[in-house]
Amino acid sequence: MSKPILTQEQVRQLFDYRDGHLYWKKVAHPNKQYLVGQEVGSIHSTGYRHVTWQNKVHKVHRLIFLLEHGYMPAEIDHINGDRADNRIE
């Protein structure tokens, strides 16, 4: 189990999780307020959705797992093989 850069509580404060997607709940910079309510990040060439927070890139599926389970495992399997499907189920 690797140590997460963000804690479960930080993820809970920053993002809303709905139907396999994370949405901005709070942003750090006043000029970025337009992002609140928008889906976080973008799809990387690897097929995973990434989001940058405090100059660090995070894979969204890992943040969702941390948010739901409270810890970050070394590996997370997309059970259906779809890297863009981040539903916790």
PDB file of N, CA and C in Angstrom:
ATOM      1  N   MET A   1       0.852  -1.172   0.000  1.00  0.00           N
ATOM      2  CA  MET A   1       0.000   0.000   0.000  1.00  0.00           C
ATOM      3  C   MET A   1       0.899   1.236   0.000  1.00  0.00           C
ATOM      4  N   SER A   2       0.700   2.094  -0.997  1.00  0.00           N
ATOM      5  CA  SER A   2       1.519   3.300  -1.072  1.00  0.00           C
ATOM      6  C   SER A   2       0.831   4.443  -0.336  1.00  0.00           C
ATOM      7  N   LYS A   3       1.638   5.366   0.141  1.00  0.00           N
ATOM      8  CA  LYS A   3       1.114   6.514   0.878  1.00  0.00           C
ATOM      9  C   LYS A   3       0.575   7.547  -0.109  1.00  0.00           C
ATOM     10  N   PRO A   4      -0.684   7.941   0.040  1.00  0.00           N
ATOM     11  CA  PRO A   4      -1.243   8.919  -0.898  1.00  0.00           C
ATOM     12  C   PRO A   4      -0.663  10.309  -0.667  1.00  0.00           C
ATOM     13  N   ILE A   5      -0.556  11.062  -1.740  1.00  0.00           N
ATOM     14  CA  ILE A   5      -0.092  12.440  -1.639  1.00  0.00           C
ATOM     15  C   ILE A   5      -1.215  13.289  -1.041  1.00  0.00           C
ATOM     16  N   LEU A   6      -2.439  13.009  -1.444  1.00  0.00           N
ATOM     17  CA  LEU A   6      -3.607  13.659  -0.877  1.00  0.00           C
ATOM     18  C   LEU A   6      -4.264  12.703   0.112  1.00  0.00           C
ATOM     19  N   THR A   7      -4.861  13.228   1.152  1.00  0.00           N
ATOM     20  CA  THR A   7      -5.575  12.395   2.109  1.00  0.00           C
ATOM     21  C   THR A   7      -7.038  12.253   1.678  1.00  0.00           C
ATOM     22  N   GLN A   8      -7.727  11.302   2.279  1.00  0.00           N
ATOM     23  CA  GLN A   8      -9.143  11.120   1.998  1.00  0.00           C
ATOM     24  C   GLN A   8      -9.915  12.398   2.300  1.00  0.00           C
ATOM     25  N   GLU A   9      -9.591  13.039   3.404  1.00  0.00           N
ATOM     26  CA  GLU A   9     -10.288  14.264   3.783  1.00  0.00           C
ATOM     27  C   GLU A   9     -10.031  15.390   2.777  1.00  0.00           C
ATOM     28  N   GLN A  10      -8.809  15.518   2.287  1.00  0.00           N
ATOM     29  CA  GLN A  10      -8.512  16.544   1.282  1.00  0.00           C
ATOM     30  C   GLN A  10      -9.295  16.279  -0.001  1.00  0.00           C
ATOM     31  N   VAL A  11      -9.340  15.020  -0.422  1.00  0.00           N
ATOM     32  CA  VAL A  11     -10.091  14.669  -1.630  1.00  0.00           C
ATOM     33  C   VAL A  11     -11.570  14.981  -1.425  1.00  0.00           C
ATOM     34  N   ARG A  12     -12.084  14.669  -0.253  1.00  0.00           N
ATOM     35  CA  ARG A  12     -13.493  14.945   0.070  1.00  0.00           C
ATOM     36  C   ARG A  12     -13.780  16.450   0.013  1.00  0.00           C
ATOM     37  N   GLN A  13     -12.843  17.275   0.454  1.00  0.00           N
ATOM     38  CA  GLN A  13     -13.036  18.726   0.439  1.00  0.00           C
ATOM     39  C   GLN A  13     -12.932  19.319  -0.969  1.00  0.00           C
ATOM     40  N   LEU A  14     -12.101  18.715  -1.809  1.00  0.00           N
ATOM     41  CA  LEU A  14     -11.845  19.259  -3.141  1.00  0.00           C
ATOM     42  C   LEU A  14     -12.828  18.821  -4.204  1.00  0.00           C
ATOM     43  N   PHE A  15     -13.312  17.576  -4.102  1.00  0.00           N
ATOM     44  CA  PHE A  15     -14.058  16.972  -5.197  1.00  0.00           C
ATOM     45  C   PHE A  15     -15.375  16.352  -4.742  1.00  0.00           C
ATOM     46  N   ASP A  16     -16.325  16.329  -5.670  1.00  0.00           N
ATOM     47  CA  ASP A  16     -17.562  15.561  -5.526  1.00  0.00           C
ATOM     48  C   ASP A  16     -17.443  14.358  -6.444  1.00  0.00           C
ATOM     49  N   TYR A  17     -17.871  13.193  -5.978  1.00  0.00           N
ATOM     50  CA  TYR A  17     -17.897  11.982  -6.798  1.00  0.00           C
ATOM     51  C   TYR A  17     -19.335  11.675  -7.165  1.00  0.00           C
ATOM     52  N   ARG A  18     -19.588  11.516  -8.469  1.00  0.00           N
ATOM     53  CA  ARG A  18     -20.908  11.127  -8.958  1.00  0.00           C
ATOM     54  C   ARG A  18     -20.754  10.246 -10.181  1.00  0.00           C
ATOM     55  N   ASP A  19     -21.320   9.061 -10.113  1.00  0.00           N
ATOM     56  CA  ASP A  19     -21.412   8.158 -11.272  1.00  0.00           C
ATOM     57  C   ASP A  19     -20.087   7.952 -12.007  1.00  0.00           C
ATOM     58  N   GLY A  20     -19.019   7.744 -11.258  1.00  0.00           N
ATOM     59  CA  GLY A  20     -17.729   7.455 -11.879  1.00  0.00           C
ATOM     60  C   GLY A  20     -16.926   8.672 -12.288  1.00  0.00           C
ATOM     61  N   HIS A  21     -17.371   9.850 -11.882  1.00  0.00           N
ATOM     62  CA  HIS A  21     -16.683  11.085 -12.251  1.00  0.00           C
ATOM     63  C   HIS A  21     -16.415  11.929 -11.012  1.00  0.00           C
ATOM     64  N   LEU A  22     -15.317  12.672 -11.050  1.00  0.00           N
ATOM     65  CA  LEU A  22     -15.026  13.647 -10.010  1.00  0.00           C
ATOM     66  C   LEU A  22     -15.289  15.040 -10.565  1.00  0.00           C
ATOM     67  N   TYR A  23     -15.877  15.882  -9.721  1.00  0.00           N
ATOM     68  CA  TYR A  23     -16.178  17.263 -10.096  1.00  0.00           C
ATOM     69  C   TYR A  23     -15.547  18.189  -9.068  1.00  0.00           C
ATOM     70  N   TRP A  24     -15.067  19.322  -9.543  1.00  0.00           N
ATOM     71  CA  TRP A  24     -14.473  20.306  -8.644  1.00  0.00           C
ATOM     72  C   TRP A  24     -15.522  20.824  -7.668  1.00  0.00           C
ATOM     73  N   LYS A  25     -15.199  20.786  -6.404  1.00  0.00           N
ATOM     74  CA  LYS A  25     -16.033  21.364  -5.361  1.00  0.00           C
ATOM     75  C   LYS A  25     -15.404  22.674  -4.894  1.00  0.00           C
ATOM     76  N   LYS A  26     -14.073  22.706  -4.943  1.00  0.00           N
ATOM     77  CA  LYS A  26     -13.304  23.840  -4.435  1.00  0.00           C
ATOM     78  C   LYS A  26     -12.037  23.964  -5.266  1.00  0.00           C
ATOM     79  N   VAL A  27     -11.624  25.189  -5.560  1.00  0.00           N
ATOM     80  CA  VAL A  27     -10.374  25.429  -6.287  1.00  0.00           C
ATOM     81  C   VAL A  27      -9.511  26.377  -5.470  1.00  0.00           C
ATOM     82  N   ALA A  28      -8.217  26.336  -5.693  1.00  0.00           N
ATOM     83  CA  ALA A  28      -7.279  27.101  -4.884  1.00  0.00           C
ATOM     84  C   ALA A  28      -7.153  28.566  -5.325  1.00  0.00           C
ATOM     85  N   HIS A  29      -7.303  28.809  -6.603  1.00  0.00           N
ATOM     86  CA  HIS A  29      -7.047  30.146  -7.127  1.00  0.00           C
ATOM     87  C   HIS A  29      -8.358  30.843  -7.500  1.00  0.00           C
ATOM     88  N   PRO A  30      -8.514  32.115  -7.120  1.00  0.00           N
ATOM     89  CA  PRO A  30      -9.752  32.841  -7.433  1.00  0.00           C
ATOM     90  C   PRO A  30     -10.072  32.899  -8.929  1.00  0.00           C
ATOM     91  N   ASN A  31      -9.053  32.899  -9.772  1.00  0.00           N
ATOM     92  CA  ASN A  31      -9.280  32.949 -11.217  1.00  0.00           C
ATOM     93  C   ASN A  31      -9.785  31.630 -11.782  1.00  0.00           C
ATOM     94  N   LYS A  32      -9.802  30.596 -10.967  1.00  0.00           N
ATOM     95  CA  LYS A  32     -10.233  29.269 -11.431  1.00  0.00           C
ATOM     96  C   LYS A  32     -11.624  28.903 -10.922  1.00  0.00           C
ATOM     97  N   GLN A  33     -12.355  29.867 -10.361  1.00  0.00           N
ATOM     98  CA  GLN A  33     -13.686  29.589  -9.808  1.00  0.00           C
ATOM     99  C   GLN A  33     -14.644  29.014 -10.848  1.00  0.00           C
ATOM    100  N   TYR A  34     -14.424  29.322 -12.117  1.00  0.00           N
ATOM    101  CA  TYR A  34     -15.281  28.799 -13.176  1.00  0.00           C
ATOM    102  C   TYR A  34     -15.240  27.278 -13.245  1.00  0.00           C
ATOM    103  N   LEU A  35     -14.215  26.657 -12.645  1.00  0.00           N
ATOM    104  CA  LEU A  35     -14.091  25.197 -12.671  1.00  0.00           C
ATOM    105  C   LEU A  35     -15.022  24.493 -11.688  1.00  0.00           C
ATOM    106  N   VAL A  36     -15.481  25.198 -10.662  1.00  0.00           N
ATOM    107  CA  VAL A  36     -16.346  24.576  -9.658  1.00  0.00           C
ATOM    108  C   VAL A  36     -17.579  24.000 -10.354  1.00  0.00           C
ATOM    109  N   GLY A  37     -17.837  22.720 -10.105  1.00  0.00           N
ATOM    110  CA  GLY A  37     -18.950  22.012 -10.734  1.00  0.00           C
ATOM    111  C   GLY A  37     -18.586  21.303 -12.019  1.00  0.00           C
ATOM    112  N   GLN A  38     -17.388  21.583 -12.557  1.00  0.00           N
ATOM    113  CA  GLN A  38     -16.933  20.949 -13.794  1.00  0.00           C
ATOM    114  C   GLN A  38     -16.194  19.642 -13.483  1.00  0.00           C
ATOM    115  N   GLU A  39     -16.224  18.708 -14.422  1.00  0.00           N
ATOM    116  CA  GLU A  39     -15.476  17.463 -14.249  1.00  0.00           C
ATOM    117  C   GLU A  39     -13.979  17.781 -14.218  1.00  0.00           C
ATOM    118  N   VAL A  40     -13.264  17.100 -13.346  1.00  0.00           N
ATOM    119  CA  VAL A  40     -11.837  17.366 -13.183  1.00  0.00           C
ATOM    120  C   VAL A  40     -11.021  16.692 -14.278  1.00  0.00           C
ATOM    121  N   GLY A  41      -9.881  17.286 -14.582  1.00  0.00           N
ATOM    122  CA  GLY A  41      -8.853  16.673 -15.397  1.00  0.00           C
ATOM    123  C   GLY A  41      -9.173  16.480 -16.860  1.00  0.00           C
ATOM    124  N   SER A  42      -8.333  15.635 -17.460  1.00  0.00           N
ATOM    125  CA  SER A  42      -8.468  15.306 -18.880  1.00  0.00           C
ATOM    126  C   SER A  42      -7.939  13.895 -19.100  1.00  0.00           C
ATOM    127  N   ILE A  43      -8.316  13.338 -20.244  1.00  0.00           N
ATOM    128  CA  ILE A  43      -7.880  11.984 -20.581  1.00  0.00           C
ATOM    129  C   ILE A  43      -6.450  12.057 -21.105  1.00  0.00           C
ATOM    130  N   HIS A  44      -5.568  11.301 -20.484  1.00  0.00           N
ATOM    131  CA  HIS A  44      -4.161  11.209 -20.879  1.00  0.00           C
ATOM    132  C   HIS A  44      -4.038  10.237 -22.049  1.00  0.00           C
ATOM    133  N   SER A  45      -2.928  10.273 -22.752  1.00  0.00           N
ATOM    134  CA  SER A  45      -2.708   9.362 -23.889  1.00  0.00           C
ATOM    135  C   SER A  45      -2.741   7.893 -23.466  1.00  0.00           C
ATOM    136  N   THR A  46      -2.561   7.624 -22.169  1.00  0.00           N
ATOM    137  CA  THR A  46      -2.634   6.249 -21.666  1.00  0.00           C
ATOM    138  C   THR A  46      -4.071   5.764 -21.512  1.00  0.00           C
ATOM    139  N   GLY A  47      -5.034   6.676 -21.636  1.00  0.00           N
ATOM    140  CA  GLY A  47      -6.439   6.325 -21.486  1.00  0.00           C
ATOM    141  C   GLY A  47      -6.997   6.620 -20.107  1.00  0.00           C
ATOM    142  N   TYR A  48      -6.139   6.981 -19.162  1.00  0.00           N
ATOM    143  CA  TYR A  48      -6.575   7.316 -17.811  1.00  0.00           C
ATOM    144  C   TYR A  48      -6.867   8.811 -17.709  1.00  0.00           C
ATOM    145  N   ARG A  49      -7.851   9.161 -16.890  1.00  0.00           N
ATOM    146  CA  ARG A  49      -8.124  10.578 -16.628  1.00  0.00           C
ATOM    147  C   ARG A  49      -7.170  11.035 -15.530  1.00  0.00           C
ATOM    148  N   HIS A  50      -6.495  12.152 -15.772  1.00  0.00           N
ATOM    149  CA  HIS A  50      -5.553  12.747 -14.821  1.00  0.00           C
ATOM    150  C   HIS A  50      -6.033  14.131 -14.420  1.00  0.00           C
ATOM    151  N   VAL A  51      -5.677  14.515 -13.198  1.00  0.00           N
ATOM    152  CA  VAL A  51      -5.962  15.867 -12.735  1.00  0.00           C
ATOM    153  C   VAL A  51      -4.709  16.380 -12.026  1.00  0.00           C
ATOM    154  N   THR A  52      -4.426  17.655 -12.182  1.00  0.00           N
ATOM    155  CA  THR A  52      -3.277  18.258 -11.503  1.00  0.00           C
ATOM    156  C   THR A  52      -3.778  19.072 -10.322  1.00  0.00           C
ATOM    157  N   TRP A  53      -3.191  18.814  -9.158  1.00  0.00           N
ATOM    158  CA  TRP A  53      -3.494  19.566  -7.953  1.00  0.00           C
ATOM    159  C   TRP A  53      -2.179  19.888  -7.272  1.00  0.00           C
ATOM    160  N   GLN A  54      -1.917  21.160  -7.022  1.00  0.00           N
ATOM    161  CA  GLN A  54      -0.697  21.641  -6.380  1.00  0.00           C
ATOM    162  C   GLN A  54       0.555  21.106  -7.092  1.00  0.00           C
ATOM    163  N   ASN A  55       0.531  21.241  -8.413  1.00  0.00           N
ATOM    164  CA  ASN A  55       1.658  20.870  -9.285  1.00  0.00           C
ATOM    165  C   ASN A  55       1.991  19.388  -9.267  1.00  0.00           C
ATOM    166  N   LYS A  56       1.046  18.542  -8.872  1.00  0.00           N
ATOM    167  CA  LYS A  56       1.241  17.096  -8.912  1.00  0.00           C
ATOM    168  C   LYS A  56       0.102  16.477  -9.719  1.00  0.00           C
ATOM    169  N   VAL A  57       0.450  15.539 -10.580  1.00  0.00           N
ATOM    170  CA  VAL A  57      -0.546  14.865 -11.412  1.00  0.00           C
ATOM    171  C   VAL A  57      -1.068  13.655 -10.649  1.00  0.00           C
ATOM    172  N   HIS A  58      -2.399  13.517 -10.631  1.00  0.00           N
ATOM    173  CA  HIS A  58      -3.057  12.408  -9.943  1.00  0.00           C
ATOM    174  C   HIS A  58      -3.974  11.694 -10.932  1.00  0.00           C
ATOM    175  N   LYS A  59      -4.000  10.372 -10.883  1.00  0.00           N
ATOM    176  CA  LYS A  59      -4.958   9.607 -11.673  1.00  0.00           C
ATOM    177  C   LYS A  59      -6.290   9.631 -10.931  1.00  0.00           C
ATOM    178  N   VAL A  60      -7.332   9.992 -11.658  1.00  0.00           N
ATOM    179  CA  VAL A  60      -8.645  10.171 -11.049  1.00  0.00           C
ATOM    180  C   VAL A  60      -9.162   8.886 -10.424  1.00  0.00           C
ATOM    181  N   HIS A  61      -8.950   7.737 -11.074  1.00  0.00           N
ATOM    182  CA  HIS A  61      -9.467   6.491 -10.503  1.00  0.00           C
ATOM    183  C   HIS A  61      -8.843   6.199  -9.139  1.00  0.00           C
ATOM    184  N   ARG A  62      -7.612   6.617  -8.936  1.00  0.00           N
ATOM    185  CA  ARG A  62      -6.963   6.415  -7.641  1.00  0.00           C
ATOM    186  C   ARG A  62      -7.548   7.362  -6.583  1.00  0.00           C
ATOM    187  N   LEU A  63      -7.859   8.593  -6.971  1.00  0.00           N
ATOM    188  CA  LEU A  63      -8.488   9.526  -6.033  1.00  0.00           C
ATOM    189  C   LEU A  63      -9.884   9.047  -5.635  1.00  0.00           C
ATOM    190  N   ILE A  64     -10.625   8.501  -6.590  1.00  0.00           N
ATOM    191  CA  ILE A  64     -11.949   7.965  -6.282  1.00  0.00           C
ATOM    192  C   ILE A  64     -11.836   6.803  -5.307  1.00  0.00           C
ATOM    193  N   PHE A  65     -10.876   5.919  -5.524  1.00  0.00           N
ATOM    194  CA  PHE A  65     -10.687   4.787  -4.609  1.00  0.00           C
ATOM    195  C   PHE A  65     -10.345   5.301  -3.215  1.00  0.00           C
ATOM    196  N   LEU A  66      -9.432   6.248  -3.121  1.00  0.00           N
ATOM    197  CA  LEU A  66      -9.058   6.837  -1.835  1.00  0.00           C
ATOM    198  C   LEU A  66     -10.265   7.473  -1.160  1.00  0.00           C
ATOM    199  N   LEU A  67     -11.045   8.205  -1.924  1.00  0.00           N
ATOM    200  CA  LEU A  67     -12.234   8.860  -1.387  1.00  0.00           C
ATOM    201  C   LEU A  67     -13.215   7.842  -0.808  1.00  0.00           C
ATOM    202  N   GLU A  68     -13.433   6.750  -1.512  1.00  0.00           N
ATOM    203  CA  GLU A  68     -14.421   5.758  -1.096  1.00  0.00           C
ATOM    204  C   GLU A  68     -13.924   4.793  -0.028  1.00  0.00           C
ATOM    205  N   HIS A  69     -12.614   4.469  -0.049  1.00  0.00           N
ATOM    206  CA  HIS A  69     -12.102   3.418   0.834  1.00  0.00           C
ATOM    207  C   HIS A  69     -11.146   3.910   1.918  1.00  0.00           C
ATOM    208  N   GLY A  70     -10.617   5.117   1.775  1.00  0.00           N
ATOM    209  CA  GLY A  70      -9.774   5.676   2.821  1.00  0.00           C
ATOM    210  C   GLY A  70      -8.316   5.284   2.772  1.00  0.00           C
ATOM    211  N   TYR A  71      -7.926   4.528   1.770  1.00  0.00           N
ATOM    212  CA  TYR A  71      -6.513   4.157   1.616  1.00  0.00           C
ATOM    213  C   TYR A  71      -6.195   4.029   0.135  1.00  0.00           C
ATOM    214  N   MET A  72      -4.900   3.991  -0.173  1.00  0.00           N
ATOM    215  CA  MET A  72      -4.451   3.912  -1.557  1.00  0.00           C
ATOM    216  C   MET A  72      -3.668   2.609  -1.748  1.00  0.00           C
ATOM    217  N   PRO A  73      -4.237   1.649  -2.476  1.00  0.00           N
ATOM    218  CA  PRO A  73      -3.500   0.406  -2.731  1.00  0.00           C
ATOM    219  C   PRO A  73      -2.397   0.633  -3.768  1.00  0.00           C
ATOM    220  N   ALA A  74      -1.492  -0.313  -3.858  1.00  0.00           N
ATOM    221  CA  ALA A  74      -0.398  -0.215  -4.830  1.00  0.00           C
ATOM    222  C   ALA A  74      -0.940  -0.263  -6.259  1.00  0.00           C
ATOM    223  N   GLU A  75      -2.018  -1.008  -6.471  1.00  0.00           N
ATOM    224  CA  GLU A  75      -2.584  -1.171  -7.806  1.00  0.00           C
ATOM    225  C   GLU A  75      -4.101  -1.217  -7.713  1.00  0.00           C
ATOM    226  N   ILE A  76      -4.761  -0.639  -8.715  1.00  0.00           N
ATOM    227  CA  ILE A  76      -6.215  -0.666  -8.806  1.00  0.00           C
ATOM    228  C   ILE A  76      -6.574  -1.223 -10.170  1.00  0.00           C
ATOM    229  N   ASP A  77      -7.457  -2.208 -10.184  1.00  0.00           N
ATOM    230  CA  ASP A  77      -7.861  -2.861 -11.423  1.00  0.00           C
ATOM    231  C   ASP A  77      -9.176  -2.286 -11.927  1.00  0.00           C
ATOM    232  N   HIS A  78      -9.185  -1.871 -13.188  1.00  0.00           N
ATOM    233  CA  HIS A  78     -10.452  -1.524 -13.838  1.00  0.00           C
ATOM    234  C   HIS A  78     -11.047  -2.850 -14.285  1.00  0.00           C
ATOM    235  N   ILE A  79     -11.998  -3.352 -13.528  1.00  0.00           N
ATOM    236  CA  ILE A  79     -12.489  -4.713 -13.698  1.00  0.00           C
ATOM    237  C   ILE A  79     -13.014  -4.986 -15.112  1.00  0.00           C
ATOM    238  N   ASN A  80     -13.538  -3.973 -15.779  1.00  0.00           N
ATOM    239  CA  ASN A  80     -14.044  -4.172 -17.142  1.00  0.00           C
ATOM    240  C   ASN A  80     -13.000  -3.818 -18.204  1.00  0.00           C
ATOM    241  N   GLY A  81     -11.803  -3.448 -17.778  1.00  0.00           N
ATOM    242  CA  GLY A  81     -10.719  -3.142 -18.699  1.00  0.00           C
ATOM    243  C   GLY A  81     -10.786  -1.764 -19.336  1.00  0.00           C
ATOM    244  N   ASP A  82     -11.792  -0.976 -19.010  1.00  0.00           N
ATOM    245  CA  ASP A  82     -11.978   0.346 -19.589  1.00  0.00           C
ATOM    246  C   ASP A  82     -11.332   1.392 -18.672  1.00  0.00           C
ATOM    247  N   ARG A  83     -10.216   1.928 -19.081  1.00  0.00           N
ATOM    248  CA  ARG A  83      -9.472   2.886 -18.254  1.00  0.00           C
ATOM    249  C   ARG A  83     -10.235   4.182 -18.018  1.00  0.00           C
ATOM    250  N   ALA A  84     -11.207   4.475 -18.835  1.00  0.00           N
ATOM    251  CA  ALA A  84     -11.996   5.696 -18.666  1.00  0.00           C
ATOM    252  C   ALA A  84     -13.216   5.465 -17.771  1.00  0.00           C
ATOM    253  N   ASP A  85     -13.468   4.222 -17.381  1.00  0.00           N
ATOM    254  CA  ASP A  85     -14.609   3.896 -16.525  1.00  0.00           C
ATOM    255  C   ASP A  85     -14.156   3.905 -15.071  1.00  0.00           C
ATOM    256  N   ASN A  86     -14.458   4.972 -14.375  1.00  0.00           N
ATOM    257  CA  ASN A  86     -13.983   5.145 -13.000  1.00  0.00           C
ATOM    258  C   ASN A  86     -15.077   4.946 -11.960  1.00  0.00           C
ATOM    259  N   ARG A  87     -16.116   4.212 -12.310  1.00  0.00           N
ATOM    260  CA  ARG A  87     -17.148   3.904 -11.332  1.00  0.00           C
ATOM    261  C   ARG A  87     -16.556   3.028 -10.240  1.00  0.00           C
ATOM    262  N   ILE A  88     -16.920   3.300  -8.998  1.00  0.00           N
ATOM    263  CA  ILE A  88     -16.365   2.563  -7.872  1.00  0.00           C
ATOM    264  C   ILE A  88     -16.824   1.111  -7.890  1.00  0.00           C
ATOM    265  N   GLU A  89     -17.943   0.830  -8.494  1.00  0.00           N
ATOM    266  CA  GLU A  89     -18.433  -0.553  -8.571  1.00  0.00           C
ATOM    267  C   GLU A  89     -17.417  -1.432  -9.250  1.00  0.00           C
TER     268      GLU A  89
END
